[in-house]
Amino acid sequence: MQTLPKERRYETLSYLPPLSDAQIAKQIQYMIDQGFIPGVEFSESSAPEQHYWTLWKLPLFNAGSVNEVLNEVKACRSEYSSNFIRVVGFDNVKQCQVLSFIVHKPTASRY
């Protein structure tokens, strides 16, 4: 049995090894298939008490493909490479965020 290195755990998929681009695409495809509205958020800190992250543009209400969401993730990553970036899924029926996962961590880990 292998243990993970000691580091801060963030959200839903944080106990897994870092997701590859193909795995991120599958998660986003699942989000779109479920009818959730994807959005991209970023934050300088990953402190658990920080509940509100900054929204990158507006949620992608008409996102029909994974590439649209990935292009926004890449644009956010290029502008805010020193921040944590996550993809969130909003449920328009429940009017809340139903899932989120980190897609980018800064190289210098800040707690």
N, C-alpha and C. Protein backbone atom coordinates (compact mmCIF):
# COMPACT_ATOMS: atom_id res chain seq x y z
N MET A 1 0.84 -1.18 0.00
CA MET A 1 0.00 0.00 0.00
C MET A 1 0.89 1.24 0.00
N GLN A 2 0.56 2.16 -0.88
CA GLN A 2 1.34 3.38 -0.99
C GLN A 2 0.58 4.54 -0.35
N THR A 3 1.29 5.33 0.43
CA THR A 3 0.65 6.51 1.01
C THR A 3 1.00 7.73 0.18
N LEU A 4 0.13 8.69 0.18
CA LEU A 4 0.37 9.91 -0.57
C LEU A 4 1.32 10.80 0.21
N PRO A 5 2.08 11.63 -0.50
CA PRO A 5 2.99 12.55 0.21
C PRO A 5 2.18 13.53 1.07
N LYS A 6 2.81 13.98 2.14
CA LYS A 6 2.14 14.90 3.06
C LYS A 6 2.01 16.26 2.39
N GLU A 7 0.79 16.62 2.10
CA GLU A 7 0.49 17.93 1.54
C GLU A 7 -0.97 18.25 1.83
N ARG A 8 -1.33 19.48 1.67
CA ARG A 8 -2.70 19.90 1.94
C ARG A 8 -3.65 19.29 0.92
N ARG A 9 -4.80 18.80 1.37
CA ARG A 9 -5.84 18.27 0.50
C ARG A 9 -6.89 19.36 0.30
N TYR A 10 -7.36 19.48 -0.92
CA TYR A 10 -8.19 20.62 -1.27
C TYR A 10 -9.67 20.28 -1.41
N GLU A 11 -10.02 19.49 -2.39
CA GLU A 11 -11.43 19.28 -2.68
C GLU A 11 -11.68 17.84 -3.09
N THR A 12 -12.72 17.64 -3.85
CA THR A 12 -13.26 16.33 -4.17
C THR A 12 -12.21 15.32 -4.61
N LEU A 13 -11.40 15.62 -5.59
CA LEU A 13 -10.47 14.65 -6.16
C LEU A 13 -9.04 14.83 -5.65
N SER A 14 -8.85 15.54 -4.55
CA SER A 14 -7.51 15.89 -4.09
C SER A 14 -6.74 14.71 -3.51
N TYR A 15 -7.42 13.62 -3.19
CA TYR A 15 -6.72 12.47 -2.65
C TYR A 15 -6.21 11.54 -3.74
N LEU A 16 -6.47 11.86 -4.98
CA LEU A 16 -5.96 11.12 -6.11
C LEU A 16 -4.69 11.79 -6.62
N PRO A 17 -3.88 11.08 -7.39
CA PRO A 17 -2.75 11.77 -8.05
C PRO A 17 -3.29 12.87 -8.95
N PRO A 18 -2.46 13.85 -9.32
CA PRO A 18 -2.95 14.94 -10.18
C PRO A 18 -3.60 14.40 -11.45
N LEU A 19 -4.70 15.02 -11.85
CA LEU A 19 -5.42 14.58 -13.03
C LEU A 19 -4.66 14.96 -14.30
N SER A 20 -4.66 14.06 -15.27
CA SER A 20 -4.09 14.38 -16.58
C SER A 20 -5.10 15.21 -17.36
N ASP A 21 -4.68 15.76 -18.47
CA ASP A 21 -5.60 16.56 -19.29
C ASP A 21 -6.78 15.71 -19.77
N ALA A 22 -6.53 14.45 -20.10
CA ALA A 22 -7.60 13.56 -20.55
C ALA A 22 -8.60 13.29 -19.43
N GLN A 23 -8.10 13.12 -18.22
CA GLN A 23 -8.99 12.89 -17.08
C GLN A 23 -9.80 14.14 -16.74
N ILE A 24 -9.19 15.31 -16.85
CA ILE A 24 -9.92 16.55 -16.63
C ILE A 24 -11.02 16.68 -17.67
N ALA A 25 -10.71 16.35 -18.92
CA ALA A 25 -11.71 16.41 -20.00
C ALA A 25 -12.88 15.47 -19.72
N LYS A 26 -12.60 14.28 -19.18
CA LYS A 26 -13.68 13.34 -18.85
C LYS A 26 -14.57 13.88 -17.74
N GLN A 27 -13.98 14.52 -16.74
CA GLN A 27 -14.77 15.10 -15.65
C GLN A 27 -15.65 16.23 -16.17
N ILE A 28 -15.11 17.04 -17.05
CA ILE A 28 -15.90 18.14 -17.62
C ILE A 28 -17.01 17.59 -18.51
N GLN A 29 -16.72 16.54 -19.27
CA GLN A 29 -17.75 15.92 -20.11
C GLN A 29 -18.88 15.37 -19.25
N TYR A 30 -18.55 14.76 -18.12
CA TYR A 30 -19.56 14.26 -17.20
C TYR A 30 -20.43 15.43 -16.71
N MET A 31 -19.78 16.53 -16.37
CA MET A 31 -20.49 17.71 -15.89
C MET A 31 -21.49 18.20 -16.94
N ILE A 32 -21.05 18.29 -18.18
CA ILE A 32 -21.93 18.74 -19.26
C ILE A 32 -23.05 17.73 -19.50
N ASP A 33 -22.72 16.44 -19.47
CA ASP A 33 -23.73 15.39 -19.68
C ASP A 33 -24.83 15.43 -18.62
N GLN A 34 -24.47 15.81 -17.39
CA GLN A 34 -25.45 15.89 -16.31
C GLN A 34 -26.29 17.17 -16.37
N GLY A 35 -25.96 18.06 -17.28
CA GLY A 35 -26.71 19.31 -17.41
C GLY A 35 -26.23 20.41 -16.49
N PHE A 36 -25.07 20.22 -15.86
CA PHE A 36 -24.52 21.25 -14.99
C PHE A 36 -23.86 22.34 -15.83
N ILE A 37 -23.83 23.54 -15.30
CA ILE A 37 -23.23 24.66 -15.99
C ILE A 37 -21.80 24.83 -15.47
N PRO A 38 -20.80 24.65 -16.33
CA PRO A 38 -19.41 24.77 -15.87
C PRO A 38 -18.99 26.22 -15.68
N GLY A 39 -18.09 26.39 -14.74
CA GLY A 39 -17.48 27.69 -14.49
C GLY A 39 -16.04 27.49 -14.06
N VAL A 40 -15.24 28.51 -14.22
CA VAL A 40 -13.82 28.46 -13.83
C VAL A 40 -13.61 29.52 -12.77
N GLU A 41 -12.96 29.13 -11.67
CA GLU A 41 -12.68 30.05 -10.58
C GLU A 41 -11.20 29.99 -10.22
N PHE A 42 -10.69 31.06 -9.62
CA PHE A 42 -9.30 31.08 -9.18
C PHE A 42 -9.19 31.78 -7.84
N SER A 43 -8.11 31.46 -7.11
CA SER A 43 -7.88 32.06 -5.80
C SER A 43 -6.39 31.98 -5.47
N GLU A 44 -5.90 32.98 -4.76
CA GLU A 44 -4.50 32.98 -4.34
C GLU A 44 -4.26 32.00 -3.20
N SER A 45 -5.27 31.77 -2.39
CA SER A 45 -5.11 30.93 -1.21
C SER A 45 -6.03 29.72 -1.30
N SER A 46 -5.61 28.66 -0.64
CA SER A 46 -6.44 27.47 -0.59
C SER A 46 -6.93 27.21 0.83
N ALA A 47 -6.91 28.24 1.65
CA ALA A 47 -7.32 28.09 3.04
C ALA A 47 -8.76 27.59 3.13
N PRO A 48 -9.01 26.61 4.00
CA PRO A 48 -10.36 26.04 4.09
C PRO A 48 -11.44 27.05 4.48
N GLU A 49 -11.07 28.09 5.22
CA GLU A 49 -12.08 29.06 5.62
C GLU A 49 -12.43 30.05 4.51
N GLN A 50 -11.70 30.00 3.40
CA GLN A 50 -12.01 30.88 2.27
C GLN A 50 -13.03 30.18 1.37
N HIS A 51 -14.27 30.59 1.49
CA HIS A 51 -15.35 29.93 0.76
C HIS A 51 -15.58 30.53 -0.62
N TYR A 52 -15.17 31.75 -0.83
CA TYR A 52 -15.48 32.43 -2.07
C TYR A 52 -14.22 32.60 -2.92
N TRP A 53 -14.25 32.04 -4.11
CA TRP A 53 -13.18 32.20 -5.08
C TRP A 53 -13.65 33.20 -6.14
N THR A 54 -12.70 33.79 -6.86
CA THR A 54 -13.04 34.74 -7.91
C THR A 54 -13.44 33.98 -9.17
N LEU A 55 -14.55 34.37 -9.74
CA LEU A 55 -15.06 33.72 -10.95
C LEU A 55 -14.33 34.27 -12.16
N TRP A 56 -13.81 33.37 -12.99
CA TRP A 56 -13.16 33.75 -14.24
C TRP A 56 -14.27 33.93 -15.27
N LYS A 57 -14.48 35.14 -15.69
CA LYS A 57 -15.57 35.48 -16.62
C LYS A 57 -16.90 35.03 -16.03
N LEU A 58 -17.88 34.81 -16.86
CA LEU A 58 -19.17 34.31 -16.41
C LEU A 58 -19.19 32.79 -16.54
N PRO A 59 -20.11 32.10 -15.84
CA PRO A 59 -20.24 30.66 -16.07
C PRO A 59 -20.54 30.41 -17.55
N LEU A 60 -20.15 29.26 -18.04
CA LEU A 60 -20.28 28.93 -19.45
C LEU A 60 -21.66 28.32 -19.69
N PHE A 61 -22.68 29.17 -19.74
CA PHE A 61 -24.07 28.72 -19.83
C PHE A 61 -24.34 27.88 -21.08
N ASN A 62 -23.73 28.23 -22.18
CA ASN A 62 -24.00 27.53 -23.45
C ASN A 62 -22.87 26.60 -23.85
N ALA A 63 -22.08 26.16 -22.91
CA ALA A 63 -20.96 25.27 -23.24
C ALA A 63 -21.50 23.95 -23.76
N GLY A 64 -21.16 23.63 -24.99
CA GLY A 64 -21.62 22.39 -25.59
C GLY A 64 -20.52 21.37 -25.75
N SER A 65 -19.28 21.82 -25.56
CA SER A 65 -18.16 20.89 -25.71
C SER A 65 -17.13 21.11 -24.61
N VAL A 66 -16.35 20.09 -24.41
CA VAL A 66 -15.30 20.13 -23.40
C VAL A 66 -14.24 21.16 -23.77
N ASN A 67 -13.96 21.29 -25.06
CA ASN A 67 -12.91 22.20 -25.50
C ASN A 67 -13.20 23.65 -25.14
N GLU A 68 -14.47 24.05 -25.13
CA GLU A 68 -14.81 25.41 -24.74
C GLU A 68 -14.38 25.68 -23.30
N VAL A 69 -14.65 24.71 -22.44
CA VAL A 69 -14.29 24.86 -21.02
C VAL A 69 -12.78 24.81 -20.86
N LEU A 70 -12.13 23.87 -21.53
CA LEU A 70 -10.67 23.75 -21.43
C LEU A 70 -9.96 24.99 -21.95
N ASN A 71 -10.51 25.64 -22.97
CA ASN A 71 -9.91 26.88 -23.47
C ASN A 71 -9.97 27.98 -22.42
N GLU A 72 -11.07 28.04 -21.67
CA GLU A 72 -11.16 29.02 -20.59
C GLU A 72 -10.21 28.69 -19.44
N VAL A 73 -10.04 27.40 -19.16
CA VAL A 73 -9.08 27.00 -18.12
C VAL A 73 -7.67 27.41 -18.53
N LYS A 74 -7.32 27.17 -19.80
CA LYS A 74 -5.99 27.54 -20.29
C LYS A 74 -5.78 29.06 -20.24
N ALA A 75 -6.81 29.82 -20.60
CA ALA A 75 -6.70 31.28 -20.56
C ALA A 75 -6.52 31.77 -19.13
N CYS A 76 -7.27 31.19 -18.21
CA CYS A 76 -7.15 31.56 -16.80
C CYS A 76 -5.78 31.17 -16.27
N ARG A 77 -5.31 29.98 -16.65
CA ARG A 77 -4.00 29.50 -16.20
C ARG A 77 -2.88 30.40 -16.72
N SER A 78 -3.00 30.90 -17.95
CA SER A 78 -1.95 31.75 -18.49
C SER A 78 -1.92 33.12 -17.80
N GLU A 79 -3.07 33.62 -17.37
CA GLU A 79 -3.10 34.92 -16.72
C GLU A 79 -2.85 34.84 -15.21
N TYR A 80 -3.29 33.76 -14.58
CA TYR A 80 -3.17 33.62 -13.13
C TYR A 80 -2.43 32.32 -12.78
N SER A 81 -1.25 32.16 -13.30
CA SER A 81 -0.50 30.91 -13.09
C SER A 81 -0.04 30.74 -11.64
N SER A 82 -0.01 31.80 -10.86
CA SER A 82 0.42 31.69 -9.47
C SER A 82 -0.76 31.44 -8.52
N ASN A 83 -1.95 31.18 -9.06
CA ASN A 83 -3.13 30.94 -8.25
C ASN A 83 -3.63 29.51 -8.41
N PHE A 84 -4.48 29.10 -7.48
CA PHE A 84 -5.18 27.83 -7.60
C PHE A 84 -6.35 28.05 -8.56
N ILE A 85 -6.60 27.10 -9.43
CA ILE A 85 -7.70 27.21 -10.40
C ILE A 85 -8.55 25.96 -10.28
N ARG A 86 -9.87 26.15 -10.26
CA ARG A 86 -10.76 25.01 -10.19
C ARG A 86 -11.91 25.16 -11.19
N VAL A 87 -12.48 24.03 -11.55
CA VAL A 87 -13.67 23.99 -12.39
C VAL A 87 -14.83 23.63 -11.47
N VAL A 88 -15.92 24.37 -11.58
CA VAL A 88 -17.10 24.12 -10.76
C VAL A 88 -18.28 23.82 -11.66
N GLY A 89 -19.24 23.08 -11.12
CA GLY A 89 -20.46 22.78 -11.85
C GLY A 89 -21.66 23.31 -11.07
N PHE A 90 -22.46 24.13 -11.73
CA PHE A 90 -23.65 24.70 -11.12
C PHE A 90 -24.89 23.96 -11.60
N ASP A 91 -25.79 23.67 -10.70
CA ASP A 91 -27.06 23.04 -11.04
C ASP A 91 -28.10 24.14 -11.14
N ASN A 92 -28.67 24.33 -12.34
CA ASN A 92 -29.62 25.43 -12.52
C ASN A 92 -30.98 25.15 -11.90
N VAL A 93 -31.26 23.90 -11.51
CA VAL A 93 -32.52 23.58 -10.85
C VAL A 93 -32.40 23.85 -9.35
N LYS A 94 -31.34 23.31 -8.74
CA LYS A 94 -31.12 23.51 -7.30
C LYS A 94 -30.56 24.89 -6.97
N GLN A 95 -30.07 25.60 -7.99
CA GLN A 95 -29.50 26.93 -7.82
C GLN A 95 -28.30 26.93 -6.88
N CYS A 96 -27.41 25.96 -7.07
CA CYS A 96 -26.22 25.91 -6.23
C CYS A 96 -25.09 25.19 -6.97
N GLN A 97 -23.93 25.28 -6.39
CA GLN A 97 -22.77 24.56 -6.90
C GLN A 97 -22.84 23.12 -6.41
N VAL A 98 -22.73 22.17 -7.33
CA VAL A 98 -22.87 20.77 -6.93
C VAL A 98 -21.56 19.99 -7.00
N LEU A 99 -20.57 20.50 -7.72
CA LEU A 99 -19.27 19.83 -7.73
C LEU A 99 -18.19 20.82 -8.11
N SER A 100 -16.97 20.48 -7.70
CA SER A 100 -15.81 21.30 -8.07
C SER A 100 -14.56 20.46 -7.89
N PHE A 101 -13.54 20.79 -8.66
CA PHE A 101 -12.26 20.12 -8.52
C PHE A 101 -11.15 21.03 -9.03
N ILE A 102 -10.00 20.93 -8.39
CA ILE A 102 -8.83 21.74 -8.72
C ILE A 102 -8.19 21.21 -10.01
N VAL A 103 -7.89 22.13 -10.93
CA VAL A 103 -7.22 21.74 -12.17
C VAL A 103 -5.82 22.32 -12.28
N HIS A 104 -5.48 23.25 -11.38
CA HIS A 104 -4.14 23.85 -11.40
C HIS A 104 -3.75 24.28 -10.00
N LYS A 105 -2.55 23.87 -9.58
CA LYS A 105 -1.97 24.34 -8.33
C LYS A 105 -0.71 25.12 -8.67
N PRO A 106 -0.45 26.21 -7.96
CA PRO A 106 0.79 26.96 -8.23
C PRO A 106 2.00 26.11 -7.86
N THR A 107 3.11 26.39 -8.51
CA THR A 107 4.32 25.58 -8.27
C THR A 107 4.83 25.77 -6.86
N ALA A 108 4.82 26.98 -6.35
CA ALA A 108 5.24 27.20 -4.97
C ALA A 108 4.00 27.07 -4.09
N SER A 109 3.90 26.00 -3.38
CA SER A 109 2.72 25.73 -2.57
C SER A 109 2.63 26.71 -1.41
N ARG A 110 1.53 27.46 -1.34
CA ARG A 110 1.31 28.42 -0.27
C ARG A 110 0.10 27.99 0.52
N TYR A 111 0.21 27.98 1.84
CA TYR A 111 -0.93 27.57 2.67
C TYR A 111 -1.61 28.74 3.24
